[in-house]
C-alpha atoms as a PDB file:
ATOM      1  CA  MET A   1      -5.339  74.922 139.364  1.00  0.00           C
ATOM      2  CA  LEU A   2      -7.370  76.670 136.658  1.00  0.00           C
ATOM      3  CA  LEU A   3      -4.591  77.752 134.225  1.00  0.00           C
ATOM      4  CA  GLU A   4      -0.931  76.756 133.963  1.00  0.00           C
ATOM      5  CA  VAL A   5       1.423  78.311 131.415  1.00  0.00           C
ATOM      6  CA  LYS A   6       5.021  76.893 130.984  1.00  0.00           C
ATOM      7  CA  ASN A   7       7.784  78.453 128.883  1.00  0.00           C
ATOM      8  CA  LEU A   8       5.261  79.978 126.507  1.00  0.00           C
ATOM      9  CA  LYS A   9       6.583  81.617 123.319  1.00  0.00           C
ATOM     10  CA  LYS A  10       5.143  83.373 120.363  1.00  0.00           C
ATOM     11  CA  TYR A  11       7.365  84.417 117.474  1.00  0.00           C
ATOM     12  CA  PHE A  12       5.918  86.249 114.533  1.00  0.00           C
ATOM     13  CA  PRO A  13       7.959  85.992 111.205  1.00  0.00           C
ATOM     14  CA  VAL A  14       8.955  89.373 109.733  1.00  0.00           C
ATOM     15  CA  ALA A  15       8.010  89.846 106.119  1.00  0.00           C
ATOM     16  CA  LYS A  16      10.835  90.413 103.751  1.00  0.00           C
ATOM     17  CA  THR A  17      11.126  92.693 100.716  1.00  0.00           C
ATOM     18  CA  PHE A  18      11.914  91.102  97.373  1.00  0.00           C
ATOM     19  CA  ILE A  19      15.543  92.319  97.610  1.00  0.00           C
ATOM     20  CA  GLU A  20      15.968  90.933 101.165  1.00  0.00           C
ATOM     21  CA  ARG A  21      14.784  87.580 100.003  1.00  0.00           C
ATOM     22  CA  LEU A  22      17.397  87.560  97.291  1.00  0.00           C
ATOM     23  CA  LEU A  23      20.199  88.647  99.623  1.00  0.00           C
ATOM     24  CA  THR A  24      19.628  86.475 102.655  1.00  0.00           C
ATOM     25  CA  ARG A  25      17.827  83.349 103.728  1.00  0.00           C
ATOM     26  CA  GLU A  26      17.921  84.259 107.347  1.00  0.00           C
ATOM     27  CA  GLU A  27      14.492  84.492 108.964  1.00  0.00           C
ATOM     28  CA  ARG A  28      13.739  87.327 111.451  1.00  0.00           C
ATOM     29  CA  TYR A  29      11.068  87.209 114.074  1.00  0.00           C
ATOM     30  CA  VAL A  30       9.162  89.500 116.376  1.00  0.00           C
ATOM     31  CA  LYS A  31       9.601  87.801 119.722  1.00  0.00           C
ATOM     32  CA  ALA A  32       6.347  89.018 121.189  1.00  0.00           C
ATOM     33  CA  VAL A  33       6.349  86.444 124.064  1.00  0.00           C
ATOM     34  CA  ASP A  34       9.652  84.811 124.825  1.00  0.00           C
ATOM     35  CA  GLY A  35       9.349  82.052 127.388  1.00  0.00           C
ATOM     36  CA  ILE A  36       7.076  82.945 130.292  1.00  0.00           C
ATOM     37  CA  SER A  37       5.535  80.767 132.942  1.00  0.00           C
ATOM     38  CA  PHE A  38       2.753  81.412 135.408  1.00  0.00           C
ATOM     39  CA  SER A  39      -0.353  79.780 136.991  1.00  0.00           C
ATOM     40  CA  MET A  40      -3.796  80.968 138.098  1.00  0.00           C
ATOM     41  CA  GLU A  41      -6.151  79.714 140.784  1.00  0.00           C
ATOM     42  CA  GLU A  42      -9.911  79.309 140.279  1.00  0.00           C
ATOM     43  CA  GLY A  43     -11.575  82.550 141.183  1.00  0.00           C
ATOM     44  CA  GLY A  44      -8.386  84.598 141.234  1.00  0.00           C
ATOM     45  CA  VAL A  45      -7.328  87.765 139.525  1.00  0.00           C
ATOM     46  CA  PHE A  46      -3.898  87.691 137.918  1.00  0.00           C
ATOM     47  CA  SER A  47      -2.689  90.877 136.256  1.00  0.00           C
ATOM     48  CA  LEU A  48      -0.112  91.295 133.468  1.00  0.00           C
ATOM     49  CA  VAL A  49       1.325  94.845 133.694  1.00  0.00           C
ATOM     50  CA  GLY A  50       3.835  96.560 131.370  1.00  0.00           C
ATOM     51  CA  GLU A  51       4.345  99.158 128.677  1.00  0.00           C
ATOM     52  CA  SER A  52       2.921  98.846 125.127  1.00  0.00           C
ATOM     53  CA  GLY A  53       4.939  96.189 123.261  1.00  0.00           C
ATOM     54  CA  SER A  54       5.652  94.101 126.270  1.00  0.00           C
ATOM     55  CA  GLY A  55       3.621  91.134 125.083  1.00  0.00           C
ATOM     56  CA  LYS A  56       0.597  91.373 127.417  1.00  0.00           C
ATOM     57  CA  THR A  57      -2.133  91.191 124.867  1.00  0.00           C
ATOM     58  CA  THR A  58      -0.393  88.462 122.892  1.00  0.00           C
ATOM     59  CA  THR A  59      -0.152  86.335 126.165  1.00  0.00           C
ATOM     60  CA  GLY A  60      -3.910  86.818 126.657  1.00  0.00           C
ATOM     61  CA  LYS A  61      -4.703  85.651 123.108  1.00  0.00           C
ATOM     62  CA  LEU A  62      -2.307  82.660 123.526  1.00  0.00           C
ATOM     63  CA  VAL A  63      -3.885  81.268 126.723  1.00  0.00           C
ATOM     64  CA  LEU A  64      -7.316  81.348 124.997  1.00  0.00           C
ATOM     65  CA  ARG A  65      -5.782  79.745 121.916  1.00  0.00           C
ATOM     66  CA  LEU A  66      -6.986  82.675 119.717  1.00  0.00           C
ATOM     67  CA  ILE A  67      -3.493  82.426 118.203  1.00  0.00           C
ATOM     68  CA  ASP A  68      -1.176  79.311 118.252  1.00  0.00           C
ATOM     69  CA  PRO A  69       1.967  79.362 120.335  1.00  0.00           C
ATOM     70  CA  THR A  70       5.426  78.867 118.865  1.00  0.00           C
ATOM     71  CA  ALA A  71       6.497  76.805 121.921  1.00  0.00           C
ATOM     72  CA  GLY A  72       5.491  76.043 125.456  1.00  0.00           C
ATOM     73  CA  GLN A  73       2.546  74.510 127.220  1.00  0.00           C
ATOM     74  CA  ILE A  74      -0.994  75.771 128.172  1.00  0.00           C
ATOM     75  CA  THR A  75      -2.960  73.650 130.585  1.00  0.00           C
ATOM     76  CA  PHE A  76      -6.648  74.705 131.330  1.00  0.00           C
ATOM     77  CA  GLN A  77      -8.590  72.926 134.001  1.00  0.00           C
ATOM     78  CA  GLY A  78      -5.961  70.078 134.026  1.00  0.00           C
ATOM     79  CA  ARG A  79      -6.149  69.593 130.240  1.00  0.00           C
ATOM     80  CA  ASP A  80      -3.303  70.401 127.938  1.00  0.00           C
ATOM     81  CA  ILE A  81      -4.847  72.702 125.216  1.00  0.00           C
ATOM     82  CA  THR A  82      -1.597  73.691 123.549  1.00  0.00           C
ATOM     83  CA  SER A  83      -2.110  71.601 120.439  1.00  0.00           C
ATOM     84  CA  LEU A  84      -5.788  70.952 120.402  1.00  0.00           C
ATOM     85  CA  SER A  85      -7.575  71.405 117.166  1.00  0.00           C
ATOM     86  CA  GLN A  86     -10.207  74.174 116.788  1.00  0.00           C
ATOM     87  CA  LYS A  87     -12.898  71.419 116.667  1.00  0.00           C
ATOM     88  CA  LYS A  88     -11.728  69.942 120.027  1.00  0.00           C
ATOM     89  CA  LEU A  89     -11.306  73.452 121.478  1.00  0.00           C
ATOM     90  CA  ARG A  90     -14.888  74.490 120.659  1.00  0.00           C
ATOM     91  CA  PRO A  91     -16.576  72.850 123.713  1.00  0.00           C
ATOM     92  CA  LEU A  92     -14.140  74.656 125.968  1.00  0.00           C
ATOM     93  CA  ARG A  93     -14.699  78.044 124.374  1.00  0.00           C
ATOM     94  CA  LYS A  94     -17.730  78.831 126.620  1.00  0.00           C
ATOM     95  CA  HIS A  95     -15.479  78.441 129.678  1.00  0.00           C
ATOM     96  CA  MET A  96     -12.880  80.836 128.212  1.00  0.00           C
ATOM     97  CA  GLN A  97     -14.020  84.350 127.193  1.00  0.00           C
ATOM     98  CA  ILE A  98     -12.451  87.811 126.414  1.00  0.00           C
ATOM     99  CA  ILE A  99     -13.309  91.366 126.996  1.00  0.00           C
ATOM    100  CA  TYR A 100     -11.623  93.557 124.389  1.00  0.00           C
ATOM    101  CA  GLN A 101     -10.066  96.993 125.049  1.00  0.00           C
ATOM    102  CA  ASP A 102     -12.100  98.998 122.557  1.00  0.00           C
ATOM    103  CA  PRO A 103     -15.846  98.792 123.090  1.00  0.00           C
ATOM    104  CA  TYR A 104     -16.488 100.691 119.847  1.00  0.00           C
ATOM    105  CA  ALA A 105     -14.626  98.091 117.752  1.00  0.00           C
ATOM    106  CA  SER A 106     -15.667  94.918 119.667  1.00  0.00           C
ATOM    107  CA  LEU A 107     -19.422  95.223 118.918  1.00  0.00           C
ATOM    108  CA  ASN A 108     -20.916  94.716 115.481  1.00  0.00           C
ATOM    109  CA  PRO A 109     -22.750  97.975 114.653  1.00  0.00           C
ATOM    110  CA  ARG A 110     -25.377  96.103 112.599  1.00  0.00           C
ATOM    111  CA  MET A 111     -26.351  93.777 115.428  1.00  0.00           C
ATOM    112  CA  ARG A 112     -28.718  94.909 118.251  1.00  0.00           C
ATOM    113  CA  VAL A 113     -27.437  94.617 121.779  1.00  0.00           C
ATOM    114  CA  GLY A 114     -29.713  91.640 122.608  1.00  0.00           C
ATOM    115  CA  GLU A 115     -28.511  89.818 119.456  1.00  0.00           C
ATOM    116  CA  ALA A 116     -24.848  90.423 120.249  1.00  0.00           C
ATOM    117  CA  ILE A 117     -25.207  89.032 123.842  1.00  0.00           C
ATOM    118  CA  MET A 118     -27.450  86.123 122.749  1.00  0.00           C
ATOM    119  CA  ASP A 119     -25.005  84.991 120.028  1.00  0.00           C
ATOM    120  CA  PRO A 120     -22.645  82.929 122.325  1.00  0.00           C
ATOM    121  CA  LEU A 121     -25.784  81.159 123.752  1.00  0.00           C
ATOM    122  CA  LEU A 122     -26.759  80.086 120.230  1.00  0.00           C
ATOM    123  CA  ILE A 123     -23.277  79.151 119.119  1.00  0.00           C
ATOM    124  CA  HIS A 124     -22.639  76.917 122.097  1.00  0.00           C
ATOM    125  CA  LYS A 125     -26.138  75.600 122.126  1.00  0.00           C
ATOM    126  CA  ILE A 126     -26.757  76.656 125.745  1.00  0.00           C
ATOM    127  CA  ALA A 127     -30.244  78.139 125.085  1.00  0.00           C
ATOM    128  CA  GLU A 128     -32.445  79.501 122.333  1.00  0.00           C
ATOM    129  CA  GLY A 129     -35.698  81.301 121.794  1.00  0.00           C
ATOM    130  CA  GLU A 130     -37.573  82.770 124.748  1.00  0.00           C
ATOM    131  CA  GLU A 131     -35.229  81.083 127.209  1.00  0.00           C
ATOM    132  CA  ALA A 132     -32.151  82.793 125.589  1.00  0.00           C
ATOM    133  CA  LYS A 133     -33.876  86.135 125.534  1.00  0.00           C
ATOM    134  CA  ASN A 134     -34.722  85.935 129.187  1.00  0.00           C
ATOM    135  CA  MET A 135     -31.064  85.011 130.008  1.00  0.00           C
ATOM    136  CA  VAL A 136     -29.939  88.061 128.075  1.00  0.00           C
ATOM    137  CA  LEU A 137     -32.416  90.401 129.803  1.00  0.00           C
ATOM    138  CA  GLU A 138     -31.251  89.051 133.179  1.00  0.00           C
ATOM    139  CA  MET A 139     -27.602  89.647 132.192  1.00  0.00           C
ATOM    140  CA  LEU A 140     -28.287  93.278 131.066  1.00  0.00           C
ATOM    141  CA  GLU A 141     -29.829  93.942 134.420  1.00  0.00           C
ATOM    142  CA  LYS A 142     -26.795  92.461 136.234  1.00  0.00           C
ATOM    143  CA  VAL A 143     -24.387  94.708 134.292  1.00  0.00           C
ATOM    144  CA  GLY A 144     -26.465  97.733 135.108  1.00  0.00           C
ATOM    145  CA  LEU A 145     -28.175  98.412 131.773  1.00  0.00           C
ATOM    146  CA  THR A 146     -31.757  99.092 132.909  1.00  0.00           C
ATOM    147  CA  PRO A 147     -34.462  98.893 131.827  1.00  0.00           C
ATOM    148  CA  PRO A 148     -33.060  95.863 130.014  1.00  0.00           C
ATOM    149  CA  GLU A 149     -35.857  95.787 127.432  1.00  0.00           C
ATOM    150  CA  VAL A 150     -34.848  99.147 126.136  1.00  0.00           C
ATOM    151  CA  PHE A 151     -31.131  98.201 125.777  1.00  0.00           C
ATOM    152  CA  TYR A 152     -32.049  94.871 124.262  1.00  0.00           C
ATOM    153  CA  ASP A 153     -33.336  96.479 121.019  1.00  0.00           C
ATOM    154  CA  SER A 154     -30.807  99.254 120.904  1.00  0.00           C
ATOM    155  CA  TYR A 155     -27.877  99.456 118.521  1.00  0.00           C
ATOM    156  CA  PRO A 156     -24.309 100.055 119.753  1.00  0.00           C
ATOM    157  CA  ALA A 157     -24.252 103.506 117.962  1.00  0.00           C
ATOM    158  CA  TYR A 158     -26.855 104.781 120.410  1.00  0.00           C
ATOM    159  CA  LEU A 159     -24.841 103.844 123.537  1.00  0.00           C
ATOM    160  CA  SER A 160     -22.050 105.646 125.384  1.00  0.00           C
ATOM    161  CA  GLY A 161     -18.568 104.169 125.759  1.00  0.00           C
ATOM    162  CA  GLY A 162     -19.277 102.942 129.296  1.00  0.00           C
ATOM    163  CA  GLN A 163     -22.567 101.395 128.233  1.00  0.00           C
ATOM    164  CA  ARG A 164     -20.866  99.660 125.246  1.00  0.00           C
ATOM    165  CA  GLN A 165     -18.316  98.158 127.577  1.00  0.00           C
ATOM    166  CA  ARG A 166     -21.042  96.863 129.825  1.00  0.00           C
ATOM    167  CA  VAL A 167     -22.537  95.157 126.852  1.00  0.00           C
ATOM    168  CA  ALA A 168     -19.137  93.622 126.076  1.00  0.00           C
ATOM    169  CA  ILE A 169     -18.869  92.391 129.635  1.00  0.00           C
ATOM    170  CA  ALA A 170     -22.396  91.035 129.489  1.00  0.00           C
ATOM    171  CA  ARG A 171     -21.513  89.095 126.266  1.00  0.00           C
ATOM    172  CA  ALA A 172     -18.464  87.587 127.861  1.00  0.00           C
ATOM    173  CA  MET A 173     -20.414  86.556 131.053  1.00  0.00           C
ATOM    174  CA  ILE A 174     -23.482  85.084 129.304  1.00  0.00           C
ATOM    175  CA  THR A 175     -21.926  81.665 128.992  1.00  0.00           C
ATOM    176  CA  ARG A 176     -20.824  81.530 132.686  1.00  0.00           C
ATOM    177  CA  PRO A 177     -17.085  81.166 131.907  1.00  0.00           C
ATOM    178  CA  LYS A 178     -14.392  80.087 134.294  1.00  0.00           C
ATOM    179  CA  LEU A 179     -11.726  82.284 132.858  1.00  0.00           C
ATOM    180  CA  VAL A 180     -12.045  85.755 131.395  1.00  0.00           C
ATOM    181  CA  VAL A 181      -9.128  87.610 129.711  1.00  0.00           C
ATOM    182  CA  ALA A 182      -9.752  91.317 130.279  1.00  0.00           C
ATOM    183  CA  ASP A 183      -7.538  93.234 127.855  1.00  0.00           C
ATOM    184  CA  GLU A 184      -7.351  96.874 129.140  1.00  0.00           C
ATOM    185  CA  PRO A 185     -11.132  96.874 129.715  1.00  0.00           C
ATOM    186  CA  VAL A 186     -11.214 100.409 131.218  1.00  0.00           C
ATOM    187  CA  SER A 187      -8.403 102.176 129.362  1.00  0.00           C
ATOM    188  CA  MET A 188     -10.907 103.759 126.756  1.00  0.00           C
ATOM    189  CA  ILE A 189     -13.548 104.730 129.287  1.00  0.00           C
ATOM    190  CA  ASP A 190     -13.854 108.075 131.039  1.00  0.00           C
ATOM    191  CA  VAL A 191     -11.890 108.156 134.272  1.00  0.00           C
ATOM    192  CA  SER A 192     -15.140 109.000 136.204  1.00  0.00           C
ATOM    193  CA  LEU A 193     -16.641 105.627 135.105  1.00  0.00           C
ATOM    194  CA  ARG A 194     -13.571 103.374 135.535  1.00  0.00           C
ATOM    195  CA  ALA A 195     -14.231 102.447 139.114  1.00  0.00           C
ATOM    196  CA  SER A 196     -17.737 101.524 138.517  1.00  0.00           C
ATOM    197  CA  ILE A 197     -16.753  99.122 135.629  1.00  0.00           C
ATOM    198  CA  LEU A 198     -14.092  97.533 137.818  1.00  0.00           C
ATOM    199  CA  ASP A 199     -16.537  97.113 140.764  1.00  0.00           C
ATOM    200  CA  LEU A 200     -18.972  95.522 138.357  1.00  0.00           C
ATOM    201  CA  MET A 201     -16.306  93.072 137.197  1.00  0.00           C
ATOM    202  CA  MET A 202     -15.406  92.187 140.765  1.00  0.00           C
ATOM    203  CA  ASP A 203     -19.174  91.695 141.604  1.00  0.00           C
ATOM    204  CA  LEU A 204     -19.601  89.335 138.692  1.00  0.00           C
ATOM    205  CA  ARG A 205     -16.366  87.525 139.646  1.00  0.00           C
ATOM    206  CA  LYS A 206     -17.896  86.706 143.148  1.00  0.00           C
ATOM    207  CA  GLU A 207     -21.312  85.814 141.718  1.00  0.00           C
ATOM    208  CA  PHE A 208     -20.100  83.471 138.956  1.00  0.00           C
ATOM    209  CA  GLY A 209     -16.879  82.186 140.624  1.00  0.00           C
ATOM    210  CA  LEU A 210     -14.774  83.114 137.625  1.00  0.00           C
ATOM    211  CA  ALA A 211     -11.147  84.160 137.297  1.00  0.00           C
ATOM    212  CA  TYR A 212      -9.650  87.149 135.422  1.00  0.00           C
ATOM    213  CA  LEU A 213      -6.417  87.440 133.508  1.00  0.00           C
ATOM    214  CA  PHE A 214      -6.322  91.150 133.654  1.00  0.00           C
ATOM    215  CA  ILE A 215      -4.129  93.027 131.184  1.00  0.00           C
ATOM    216  CA  THR A 216      -3.207  96.643 131.927  1.00  0.00           C
ATOM    217  CA  HIS A 217      -0.413  99.287 131.776  1.00  0.00           C
ATOM    218  CA  ASP A 218      -1.718 100.809 134.999  1.00  0.00           C
ATOM    219  CA  LEU A 219      -0.236  99.453 138.196  1.00  0.00           C
ATOM    220  CA  ALA A 220      -2.803 101.383 140.300  1.00  0.00           C
ATOM    221  CA  VAL A 221      -5.677  99.592 138.511  1.00  0.00           C
ATOM    222  CA  ALA A 222      -3.807  96.278 138.963  1.00  0.00           C
ATOM    223  CA  LYS A 223      -3.412  96.940 142.695  1.00  0.00           C
ATOM    224  CA  TYR A 224      -7.161  97.719 143.004  1.00  0.00           C
ATOM    225  CA  ILE A 225      -8.344  94.361 141.724  1.00  0.00           C
ATOM    226  CA  SER A 226      -5.451  91.757 141.637  1.00  0.00           C
ATOM    227  CA  ASP A 227      -4.442  88.937 143.821  1.00  0.00           C
ATOM    228  CA  LYS A 228      -1.103  88.450 141.885  1.00  0.00           C
ATOM    229  CA  ILE A 229       0.789  90.627 139.434  1.00  0.00           C
ATOM    230  CA  ALA A 230       3.443  89.883 136.802  1.00  0.00           C
ATOM    231  CA  ILE A 231       5.509  92.765 135.355  1.00  0.00           C
ATOM    232  CA  MET A 232       6.291  92.103 131.661  1.00  0.00           C
ATOM    233  CA  TYR A 233       9.017  93.727 129.629  1.00  0.00           C
ATOM    234  CA  LEU A 234       9.804  92.880 126.014  1.00  0.00           C
ATOM    235  CA  GLY A 235       8.198  89.445 126.144  1.00  0.00           C
ATOM    236  CA  LYS A 236       9.564  88.387 129.497  1.00  0.00           C
ATOM    237  CA  ILE A 237       8.286  88.423 133.076  1.00  0.00           C
ATOM    238  CA  MET A 238      10.625  90.699 135.139  1.00  0.00           C
ATOM    239  CA  GLU A 239       8.921  90.213 138.500  1.00  0.00           C
ATOM    240  CA  MET A 240       5.914  88.335 139.791  1.00  0.00           C
ATOM    241  CA  GLY A 241       4.299  87.947 143.147  1.00  0.00           C
ATOM    242  CA  LYS A 242       1.325  88.652 145.338  1.00  0.00           C
ATOM    243  CA  THR A 243      -0.009  92.236 145.021  1.00  0.00           C
ATOM    244  CA  ARG A 244       0.827  93.325 148.556  1.00  0.00           C
ATOM    245  CA  ASP A 245       4.337  91.894 148.340  1.00  0.00           C
ATOM    246  CA  LEU A 246       5.051  93.561 145.047  1.00  0.00           C
ATOM    247  CA  PHE A 247       3.822  97.020 146.240  1.00  0.00           C
ATOM    248  CA  ARG A 248       5.492  96.758 149.742  1.00  0.00           C
ATOM    249  CA  ASP A 249       8.853  95.353 148.516  1.00  0.00           C
ATOM    250  CA  PRO A 250       9.444  95.792 144.817  1.00  0.00           C
ATOM    251  CA  LEU A 251      12.650  94.124 143.718  1.00  0.00           C
ATOM    252  CA  HIS A 252      13.202  94.827 139.975  1.00  0.00           C
ATOM    253  CA  PRO A 253      14.314  98.266 138.919  1.00  0.00           C
ATOM    254  CA  TYR A 254      11.594  98.261 136.198  1.00  0.00           C
ATOM    255  CA  THR A 255       8.886  97.632 138.832  1.00  0.00           C
ATOM    256  CA  LYS A 256      10.318 100.372 140.957  1.00  0.00           C
ATOM    257  CA  ALA A 257      10.156 102.846 138.068  1.00  0.00           C
ATOM    258  CA  LEU A 258       6.581 101.828 137.282  1.00  0.00           C
ATOM    259  CA  LEU A 259       5.562 102.237 140.971  1.00  0.00           C
ATOM    260  CA  SER A 260       7.223 105.663 141.164  1.00  0.00           C
ATOM    261  CA  ALA A 261       4.962 106.956 138.384  1.00  0.00           C
ATOM    262  CA  ILE A 262       1.773 106.377 140.509  1.00  0.00           C
ATOM    263  CA  PRO A 263       0.436 109.616 141.944  1.00  0.00           C
ATOM    264  CA  VAL A 264       0.320 109.725 145.769  1.00  0.00           C
ATOM    265  CA  PRO A 265      -3.185 110.590 146.912  1.00  0.00           C
ATOM    266  CA  THR A 266      -2.161 112.207 150.172  1.00  0.00           C
ATOM    267  CA  PRO A 267      -1.885 115.967 149.838  1.00  0.00           C
ATOM    268  CA  GLY A 268       1.687 117.349 150.400  1.00  0.00           C
ATOM    269  CA  LYS A 269       3.318 113.828 149.957  1.00  0.00           C
ATOM    270  CA  SER A 270       5.163 112.613 146.974  1.00  0.00           C
ATOM    271  CA  ARG A 271       7.555 109.798 146.021  1.00  0.00           C
ATOM    272  CA  GLU A 272      10.828 110.134 144.173  1.00  0.00           C
ATOM    273  CA  ARG A 273      10.143 109.628 140.448  1.00  0.00           C
ATOM    274  CA  ILE A 274      12.429 107.191 138.613  1.00  0.00           C
ATOM    275  CA  LYS A 275      12.635 108.230 134.970  1.00  0.00           C
ATOM    276  CA  LEU A 276      13.652 105.693 132.468  1.00  0.00           C
ATOM    277  CA  LYS A 277      15.626 106.891 129.498  1.00  0.00           C
ATOM    278  CA  GLY A 278      14.726 105.942 125.931  1.00  0.00           C
ATOM    279  CA  GLU A 279      12.023 103.655 124.608  1.00  0.00           C
ATOM    280  CA  ILE A 280      11.338  99.922 124.886  1.00  0.00           C
ATOM    281  CA  PRO A 281      13.675  98.265 122.245  1.00  0.00           C
ATOM    282  CA  SER A 282      12.406  96.439 119.151  1.00  0.00           C
ATOM    283  CA  ALA A 283      11.142  92.864 119.731  1.00  0.00           C
ATOM    284  CA  ILE A 284      12.952  91.968 116.556  1.00  0.00           C
ATOM    285  CA  ASP A 285      16.469  93.073 117.707  1.00  0.00           C
ATOM    286  CA  ILE A 286      16.394  92.310 121.496  1.00  0.00           C
ATOM    287  CA  PRO A 287      19.348  93.466 123.318  1.00  0.00           C
ATOM    288  CA  PRO A 288      21.797  90.771 124.574  1.00  0.00           C
ATOM    289  CA  GLY A 289      21.862  89.948 128.249  1.00  0.00           C
ATOM    290  CA  CYS A 290      19.156  91.515 130.321  1.00  0.00           C
ATOM    291  CA  ARG A 291      16.714  93.017 127.892  1.00  0.00           C
ATOM    292  CA  PHE A 292      16.093  95.928 130.315  1.00  0.00           C
ATOM    293  CA  HIS A 293      19.729  96.810 130.668  1.00  0.00           C
ATOM    294  CA  THR A 294      19.545  99.604 127.940  1.00  0.00           C
ATOM    295  CA  ARG A 295      17.299 101.606 130.229  1.00  0.00           C
ATOM    296  CA  CYS A 296      18.151 100.341 133.716  1.00  0.00           C
ATOM    297  CA  PRO A 297      19.563 102.887 136.256  1.00  0.00           C
ATOM    298  CA  MET A 298      21.131 100.056 138.195  1.00  0.00           C
ATOM    299  CA  ARG A 299      22.995  98.432 135.235  1.00  0.00           C
ATOM    300  CA  PHE A 300      26.431  96.849 135.670  1.00  0.00           C
ATOM    301  CA  ASP A 301      28.741  94.846 133.469  1.00  0.00           C
ATOM    302  CA  LEU A 302      27.044  91.423 133.787  1.00  0.00           C
ATOM    303  CA  CYS A 303      23.648  92.902 132.697  1.00  0.00           C
ATOM    304  CA  ASP A 304      24.638  93.271 129.008  1.00  0.00           C
ATOM    305  CA  LYS A 305      26.318  89.891 128.831  1.00  0.00           C
ATOM    306  CA  GLU A 306      23.985  87.301 130.514  1.00  0.00           C
ATOM    307  CA  GLU A 307      20.241  87.145 130.665  1.00  0.00           C
ATOM    308  CA  PRO A 308      18.942  86.755 134.306  1.00  0.00           C
ATOM    309  CA  GLN A 309      16.481  83.922 135.005  1.00  0.00           C
ATOM    310  CA  LEU A 310      13.284  84.293 137.117  1.00  0.00           C
ATOM    311  CA  LYS A 311      14.142  83.272 140.651  1.00  0.00           C
ATOM    312  CA  GLU A 312      12.133  82.921 143.736  1.00  0.00           C
ATOM    313  CA  MET A 313      13.521  85.303 146.329  1.00  0.00           C
ATOM    314  CA  LYS A 314      10.827  84.668 148.935  1.00  0.00           C
ATOM    315  CA  PRO A 315       7.753  82.514 148.955  1.00  0.00           C
ATOM    316  CA  GLY A 316       5.735  83.366 145.936  1.00  0.00           C
ATOM    317  CA  HIS A 317       7.862  86.424 144.968  1.00  0.00           C
ATOM    318  CA  PHE A 318       9.969  85.973 141.816  1.00  0.00           C
ATOM    319  CA  VAL A 319      12.435  88.344 140.055  1.00  0.00           C
ATOM    320  CA  ALA A 320      14.710  88.202 136.989  1.00  0.00           C
ATOM    321  CA  CYS A 321      17.551  90.540 137.956  1.00  0.00           C
ATOM    322  CA  HIS A 322      21.323  90.101 138.353  1.00  0.00           C
ATOM    323  CA  LEU A 323      21.117  92.350 141.485  1.00  0.00           C
ATOM    324  CA  TYR A 324      19.762  89.277 143.318  1.00  0.00           C
ATOM    325  CA  SER A 325      21.991  86.559 141.743  1.00  0.00           C
END
């Protein structure tokens, strides 16, 4: 097993005004991730899907230990990294990389493309000098930036959004990682280029034998690349299973609503749209009981009193819903 996450939580304290500090000592927290568990096999693609504010990006940062968890356990390649110091984590960093959502913000505008991609090689003492440059040129060619010598000396400002994201992918891949967290890597790229970027990521996965923790709000994208999918809502996993099972037989009302929003490619055919009312509640004041009950079309009395637990309904297919209690 490459990665195992057990009961992972991340609570961010809410800053108080001066008056609030005088009136109350009660601490309030944003419960960004509130007790989730999942595992990933080597070479697999596991997608976290949900609306903005569901805790997907925070989960990605937690498993890489870019932020420290409030509670829970993170095991990477059989080693518990939950409480490791940054000094002890450093040798593992080359095996755990991230591709950020915004290619315009993730690259230093003052660094040439070659310098940006070479930086991880120097930091982790993998290569230097001419050897490092040759590795960068080879990686530029792998990600489709040719001729590589031209892109090597270019600044990010001279590149398109798709080209910048290829640079970001090259930088993540240069250390030959085992796990890459891809945080909405195609959401800010033109629709016409998204498939080519996803295909590139899948080709690199096969070549390097790496695994992706793929974060997205788009179930259609998740279906295209994933082995397994977890549906997140307000810091919790609502449903989790193999991609084909989740699309053929969705169980949770939230999953069904998300699937109903995917356009049907066949002309003349359509699916019934399930429209959810309202917005996702605040992660500070989470509703009692099932946290989805305020928007659920299948809600009944138990839903606003007791929180459902994630249960295995069939091999590998889990759901947290009182409809299946």
